[in-house]
């Protein structure tokens, strides 16, 4: 008798968790879907907020306008450069610090390890 009651309780708990997770997924994904639909919608329809789940008039005019701007390529280049430089510098700095902290006779090793771990 207890096993059946436990199974029913587990099923109720699982169903509740699944419903909560579906609500959380919807809350997270709907804004992204809405922005994607707005990007494919005509600019005249956007202020009227007639979009709910699917765009009414699909157009690529917004993407043409964005990619025809020369500042986008400059911004993309700056972003790429900063990302690459930051990644390389971070990797080398972390490797140097890790190598130094791996040495047992380093003066102040405990202090630096504590500082990094905090």
N, C-alpha and C. Protein backbone atom coordinates (compact mmCIF):
# COMPACT_ATOMS: atom_id res chain seq x y z
N UNK A 1 0.81 -1.19 0.00
CA UNK A 1 0.00 0.00 0.00
C UNK A 1 0.86 1.26 0.00
N UNK A 2 1.96 1.22 0.71
CA UNK A 2 2.82 2.40 0.79
C UNK A 2 3.48 2.68 -0.55
N UNK A 3 3.86 1.65 -1.27
CA UNK A 3 4.52 1.84 -2.55
C UNK A 3 3.60 2.53 -3.55
N UNK A 4 2.33 2.19 -3.52
CA UNK A 4 1.38 2.82 -4.44
C UNK A 4 1.19 4.29 -4.08
N UNK A 5 1.06 4.58 -2.79
CA UNK A 5 0.93 5.97 -2.34
C UNK A 5 2.17 6.78 -2.68
N UNK A 6 3.35 6.18 -2.52
CA UNK A 6 4.61 6.85 -2.84
C UNK A 6 4.69 7.11 -4.34
N UNK A 7 4.27 6.15 -5.15
CA UNK A 7 4.29 6.32 -6.60
C UNK A 7 3.37 7.46 -7.02
N UNK A 8 2.19 7.53 -6.42
CA UNK A 8 1.24 8.59 -6.75
C UNK A 8 1.80 9.96 -6.35
N UNK A 9 2.47 10.02 -5.19
CA UNK A 9 3.07 11.27 -4.74
C UNK A 9 4.20 11.68 -5.69
N UNK A 10 5.01 10.70 -6.12
CA UNK A 10 6.09 10.99 -7.06
C UNK A 10 5.54 11.49 -8.39
N UNK A 11 4.47 10.88 -8.87
CA UNK A 11 3.86 11.32 -10.13
C UNK A 11 3.32 12.74 -10.02
N UNK A 12 2.70 13.05 -8.90
CA UNK A 12 2.18 14.41 -8.69
C UNK A 12 3.32 15.41 -8.64
N UNK A 13 4.40 15.05 -7.93
CA UNK A 13 5.56 15.93 -7.84
C UNK A 13 6.18 16.14 -9.21
N UNK A 14 6.36 15.05 -9.97
CA UNK A 14 6.94 15.15 -11.31
C UNK A 14 6.08 16.01 -12.23
N UNK A 15 4.78 15.84 -12.17
CA UNK A 15 3.88 16.64 -13.00
C UNK A 15 3.97 18.11 -12.63
N UNK A 16 4.01 18.41 -11.34
CA UNK A 16 4.13 19.80 -10.88
C UNK A 16 5.44 20.41 -11.36
N UNK A 17 6.52 19.68 -11.21
CA UNK A 17 7.83 20.18 -11.66
C UNK A 17 7.83 20.40 -13.17
N UNK A 18 7.24 19.48 -13.92
CA UNK A 18 7.18 19.63 -15.38
C UNK A 18 6.39 20.86 -15.78
N UNK A 19 5.28 21.12 -15.12
CA UNK A 19 4.48 22.31 -15.43
C UNK A 19 5.26 23.57 -15.10
N UNK A 20 5.93 23.59 -13.95
CA UNK A 20 6.73 24.77 -13.58
C UNK A 20 7.84 24.99 -14.59
N UNK A 21 8.51 23.92 -15.02
CA UNK A 21 9.59 24.06 -15.98
C UNK A 21 9.08 24.55 -17.34
N UNK A 22 7.92 24.08 -17.75
CA UNK A 22 7.35 24.56 -19.01
C UNK A 22 7.03 26.05 -18.94
N UNK A 23 6.53 26.51 -17.80
CA UNK A 23 6.26 27.94 -17.62
C UNK A 23 7.56 28.73 -17.67
N UNK A 24 8.60 28.24 -17.01
CA UNK A 24 9.89 28.93 -17.01
C UNK A 24 10.47 28.96 -18.43
N UNK A 25 10.38 27.86 -19.14
CA UNK A 25 10.87 27.82 -20.52
C UNK A 25 10.13 28.83 -21.38
N UNK A 26 8.81 28.89 -21.24
CA UNK A 26 8.02 29.86 -22.00
C UNK A 26 8.42 31.29 -21.66
N UNK A 27 8.61 31.58 -20.37
CA UNK A 27 9.00 32.93 -19.95
C UNK A 27 10.36 33.30 -20.52
N UNK A 28 11.25 32.34 -20.65
CA UNK A 28 12.59 32.62 -21.18
C UNK A 28 12.61 32.73 -22.70
N UNK A 29 11.85 31.88 -23.38
CA UNK A 29 11.92 31.83 -24.84
C UNK A 29 11.00 32.80 -25.55
N UNK A 30 9.86 33.14 -24.96
CA UNK A 30 8.91 34.01 -25.66
C UNK A 30 9.49 35.38 -26.01
N UNK A 31 10.22 36.06 -25.11
CA UNK A 31 10.79 37.36 -25.51
C UNK A 31 11.74 37.26 -26.70
N UNK A 32 12.53 36.18 -26.75
CA UNK A 32 13.43 36.01 -27.89
C UNK A 32 12.64 35.77 -29.18
N UNK A 33 11.59 34.96 -29.08
CA UNK A 33 10.74 34.69 -30.24
C UNK A 33 10.06 35.98 -30.71
N UNK A 34 9.60 36.79 -29.77
CA UNK A 34 8.92 38.04 -30.09
C UNK A 34 9.87 39.00 -30.83
N UNK A 35 11.10 39.10 -30.35
CA UNK A 35 12.08 39.98 -31.01
C UNK A 35 12.42 39.44 -32.41
N UNK A 36 12.53 38.14 -32.54
CA UNK A 36 12.78 37.55 -33.86
C UNK A 36 11.63 37.84 -34.81
N UNK A 37 10.40 37.72 -34.33
CA UNK A 37 9.23 38.05 -35.17
C UNK A 37 9.23 39.53 -35.53
N UNK A 38 9.59 40.39 -34.58
CA UNK A 38 9.66 41.83 -34.88
C UNK A 38 10.70 42.12 -35.95
N UNK A 39 11.80 41.37 -35.94
CA UNK A 39 12.84 41.63 -36.93
C UNK A 39 12.40 41.30 -38.34
N UNK A 40 11.44 40.39 -38.50
CA UNK A 40 10.94 40.03 -39.82
C UNK A 40 9.65 40.76 -40.18
N UNK A 41 9.23 41.71 -39.36
CA UNK A 41 7.96 42.40 -39.58
C UNK A 41 8.20 43.77 -40.21
N UNK A 42 7.24 44.20 -40.98
CA UNK A 42 7.27 45.52 -41.59
C UNK A 42 7.27 46.59 -40.50
N UNK A 43 8.03 47.66 -40.71
CA UNK A 43 8.14 48.73 -39.71
C UNK A 43 6.81 49.44 -39.45
N UNK A 44 5.90 49.42 -40.39
CA UNK A 44 4.60 50.08 -40.19
C UNK A 44 3.70 49.31 -39.23
N UNK A 45 3.90 48.01 -39.12
CA UNK A 45 3.06 47.18 -38.25
C UNK A 45 3.58 47.18 -36.81
N UNK A 46 4.86 47.38 -36.62
CA UNK A 46 5.47 47.28 -35.29
C UNK A 46 4.84 48.24 -34.28
N UNK A 47 4.63 49.52 -34.58
CA UNK A 47 4.04 50.41 -33.55
C UNK A 47 2.62 50.04 -33.14
N UNK A 48 1.90 49.35 -34.00
CA UNK A 48 0.52 48.99 -33.66
C UNK A 48 0.43 47.76 -32.77
N UNK A 49 1.55 47.08 -32.55
CA UNK A 49 1.62 45.88 -31.70
C UNK A 49 0.64 44.80 -32.14
N UNK A 50 0.55 44.58 -33.43
CA UNK A 50 -0.34 43.55 -33.95
C UNK A 50 0.32 42.18 -34.01
N UNK A 51 1.52 42.08 -33.48
CA UNK A 51 2.24 40.81 -33.52
C UNK A 51 2.04 40.11 -32.18
N UNK A 52 1.64 38.85 -32.25
CA UNK A 52 1.54 38.11 -31.01
C UNK A 52 2.41 36.86 -31.08
N UNK A 53 2.18 36.00 -32.05
CA UNK A 53 2.98 34.78 -32.14
C UNK A 53 3.71 34.66 -33.47
N UNK A 54 3.09 35.10 -34.55
CA UNK A 54 3.72 35.06 -35.86
C UNK A 54 3.60 36.43 -36.52
N UNK A 55 4.62 36.83 -37.29
CA UNK A 55 4.52 38.12 -37.97
C UNK A 55 3.44 38.08 -39.05
N UNK A 56 2.77 39.22 -39.24
CA UNK A 56 1.69 39.28 -40.24
C UNK A 56 2.25 39.43 -41.65
N UNK A 57 3.22 40.31 -41.82
CA UNK A 57 3.81 40.53 -43.14
C UNK A 57 5.32 40.30 -43.02
N UNK A 58 5.79 39.19 -43.53
CA UNK A 58 7.21 38.86 -43.40
C UNK A 58 7.99 39.62 -44.47
N UNK A 59 9.03 40.29 -44.01
CA UNK A 59 9.89 41.06 -44.91
C UNK A 59 11.32 41.04 -44.38
N UNK A 60 12.27 41.23 -45.28
CA UNK A 60 13.68 41.28 -44.90
C UNK A 60 14.22 42.71 -44.92
N UNK A 61 13.35 43.70 -44.99
CA UNK A 61 13.78 45.10 -45.08
C UNK A 61 14.62 45.52 -43.87
N UNK A 62 14.27 45.06 -42.70
CA UNK A 62 15.03 45.43 -41.50
C UNK A 62 16.46 44.91 -41.58
N UNK A 63 16.63 43.68 -42.07
CA UNK A 63 17.97 43.12 -42.20
C UNK A 63 18.76 43.82 -43.30
N UNK A 64 18.09 44.19 -44.38
CA UNK A 64 18.77 44.94 -45.44
C UNK A 64 19.27 46.28 -44.90
N UNK A 65 18.45 46.94 -44.10
CA UNK A 65 18.84 48.24 -43.53
C UNK A 65 20.03 48.10 -42.59
N UNK A 66 20.03 47.06 -41.79
CA UNK A 66 21.13 46.88 -40.84
C UNK A 66 22.43 46.53 -41.56
N UNK A 67 22.37 45.60 -42.51
CA UNK A 67 23.59 45.16 -43.17
C UNK A 67 24.07 46.14 -44.24
N UNK A 68 23.28 47.10 -44.63
CA UNK A 68 23.75 48.12 -45.57
C UNK A 68 24.53 49.22 -44.85
N UNK A 69 24.47 49.25 -43.55
CA UNK A 69 25.19 50.24 -42.76
C UNK A 69 26.65 49.82 -42.62
N UNK A 70 27.58 50.72 -42.95
CA UNK A 70 29.01 50.40 -42.88
C UNK A 70 29.52 50.31 -41.46
N UNK A 71 28.85 50.95 -40.52
CA UNK A 71 29.29 50.91 -39.13
C UNK A 71 29.18 49.50 -38.54
N UNK A 72 28.32 48.68 -39.09
CA UNK A 72 28.16 47.32 -38.58
C UNK A 72 29.44 46.51 -38.77
N UNK A 73 30.08 46.64 -39.93
CA UNK A 73 31.31 45.89 -40.16
C UNK A 73 32.42 46.37 -39.24
N UNK A 74 32.48 47.67 -38.98
CA UNK A 74 33.47 48.19 -38.03
C UNK A 74 33.21 47.66 -36.63
N UNK A 75 31.96 47.67 -36.22
CA UNK A 75 31.60 47.17 -34.88
C UNK A 75 31.91 45.68 -34.76
N UNK A 76 31.64 44.93 -35.82
CA UNK A 76 31.94 43.50 -35.81
C UNK A 76 33.44 43.27 -35.70
N UNK A 77 34.24 44.06 -36.43
CA UNK A 77 35.69 43.94 -36.38
C UNK A 77 36.21 44.26 -34.98
N UNK A 78 35.72 45.33 -34.37
CA UNK A 78 36.16 45.71 -33.03
C UNK A 78 35.79 44.62 -32.02
N UNK A 79 34.59 44.08 -32.14
CA UNK A 79 34.15 43.01 -31.24
C UNK A 79 35.02 41.78 -31.39
N UNK A 80 35.30 41.39 -32.62
CA UNK A 80 36.13 40.23 -32.88
C UNK A 80 37.55 40.44 -32.34
N UNK A 81 38.10 41.63 -32.57
CA UNK A 81 39.45 41.93 -32.10
C UNK A 81 39.52 41.89 -30.57
N UNK A 82 38.57 42.52 -29.90
CA UNK A 82 38.57 42.53 -28.44
C UNK A 82 38.40 41.12 -27.87
N UNK A 83 37.55 40.34 -28.51
CA UNK A 83 37.33 38.97 -28.03
C UNK A 83 38.58 38.13 -28.17
N UNK A 84 39.22 38.20 -29.32
CA UNK A 84 40.43 37.40 -29.53
C UNK A 84 41.56 37.85 -28.61
N UNK A 85 41.80 39.15 -28.53
CA UNK A 85 42.87 39.65 -27.67
C UNK A 85 42.59 39.32 -26.21
N UNK A 86 41.36 39.52 -25.77
CA UNK A 86 41.00 39.22 -24.38
C UNK A 86 41.15 37.75 -24.05
N UNK A 87 40.75 36.88 -24.98
CA UNK A 87 40.86 35.44 -24.74
C UNK A 87 42.31 35.01 -24.65
N UNK A 88 43.13 35.48 -25.57
CA UNK A 88 44.55 35.10 -25.57
C UNK A 88 45.24 35.63 -24.31
N UNK A 89 44.99 36.90 -23.96
CA UNK A 89 45.62 37.47 -22.77
C UNK A 89 45.17 36.74 -21.50
N UNK A 90 43.91 36.45 -21.40
CA UNK A 90 43.38 35.76 -20.22
C UNK A 90 43.97 34.36 -20.09
N UNK A 91 44.08 33.66 -21.20
CA UNK A 91 44.64 32.31 -21.17
C UNK A 91 46.10 32.33 -20.72
N UNK A 92 46.90 33.23 -21.28
CA UNK A 92 48.31 33.30 -20.88
C UNK A 92 48.47 33.76 -19.44
N UNK A 93 47.71 34.75 -19.02
CA UNK A 93 47.81 35.23 -17.64
C UNK A 93 47.42 34.13 -16.66
N UNK A 94 46.34 33.42 -16.95
CA UNK A 94 45.93 32.32 -16.07
C UNK A 94 46.96 31.21 -16.04
N UNK A 95 47.58 30.91 -17.17
CA UNK A 95 48.61 29.88 -17.21
C UNK A 95 49.83 30.29 -16.38
N UNK A 96 50.25 31.55 -16.50
CA UNK A 96 51.40 32.02 -15.72
C UNK A 96 51.11 32.00 -14.22
N UNK A 97 49.93 32.45 -13.84
CA UNK A 97 49.56 32.47 -12.42
C UNK A 97 49.45 31.04 -11.90
N UNK A 98 48.85 30.14 -12.66
CA UNK A 98 48.72 28.75 -12.23
C UNK A 98 50.08 28.09 -12.09
N UNK A 99 50.98 28.38 -13.01
CA UNK A 99 52.33 27.80 -12.92
C UNK A 99 53.04 28.32 -11.67
N UNK A 100 52.95 29.62 -11.43
CA UNK A 100 53.60 30.18 -10.25
C UNK A 100 53.02 29.63 -8.96
N UNK A 101 51.70 29.50 -8.89
CA UNK A 101 51.07 29.01 -7.67
C UNK A 101 51.25 27.51 -7.47
N UNK A 102 51.68 26.80 -8.50
CA UNK A 102 51.92 25.36 -8.35
C UNK A 102 53.25 25.08 -7.64
N UNK A 103 54.10 26.08 -7.53
CA UNK A 103 55.39 25.92 -6.87
C UNK A 103 55.21 26.04 -5.36
N UNK A 104 55.68 25.05 -4.63
CA UNK A 104 55.49 25.00 -3.18
C UNK A 104 56.29 26.07 -2.44
N UNK A 105 57.43 26.49 -3.00
CA UNK A 105 58.30 27.44 -2.30
C UNK A 105 58.02 28.91 -2.66
N UNK A 106 56.92 29.20 -3.27
CA UNK A 106 56.57 30.58 -3.63
C UNK A 106 56.23 31.36 -2.36
N UNK A 107 56.85 32.51 -2.21
CA UNK A 107 56.59 33.35 -1.04
C UNK A 107 55.20 33.97 -1.19
N UNK A 108 54.37 33.82 -0.17
CA UNK A 108 53.01 34.36 -0.21
C UNK A 108 52.03 33.49 -0.98
N UNK A 109 52.39 32.23 -1.21
CA UNK A 109 51.55 31.32 -1.99
C UNK A 109 50.16 31.16 -1.37
N UNK A 110 50.12 30.95 -0.05
CA UNK A 110 48.82 30.77 0.62
C UNK A 110 47.96 32.02 0.50
N UNK A 111 48.57 33.18 0.63
CA UNK A 111 47.82 34.44 0.51
C UNK A 111 47.22 34.58 -0.88
N UNK A 112 48.04 34.33 -1.91
CA UNK A 112 47.55 34.47 -3.28
C UNK A 112 46.49 33.42 -3.62
N UNK A 113 46.67 32.19 -3.15
CA UNK A 113 45.66 31.15 -3.37
C UNK A 113 44.34 31.54 -2.71
N UNK A 114 44.43 32.03 -1.48
CA UNK A 114 43.21 32.47 -0.79
C UNK A 114 42.57 33.63 -1.52
N UNK A 115 43.37 34.57 -1.98
CA UNK A 115 42.86 35.73 -2.70
C UNK A 115 42.15 35.31 -3.99
N UNK A 116 42.71 34.36 -4.70
CA UNK A 116 42.11 33.90 -5.96
C UNK A 116 40.84 33.10 -5.69
N UNK A 117 40.85 32.28 -4.66
CA UNK A 117 39.70 31.43 -4.38
C UNK A 117 38.52 32.21 -3.80
N UNK A 118 38.79 33.37 -3.25
CA UNK A 118 37.69 34.19 -2.71
C UNK A 118 37.10 34.94 -3.82
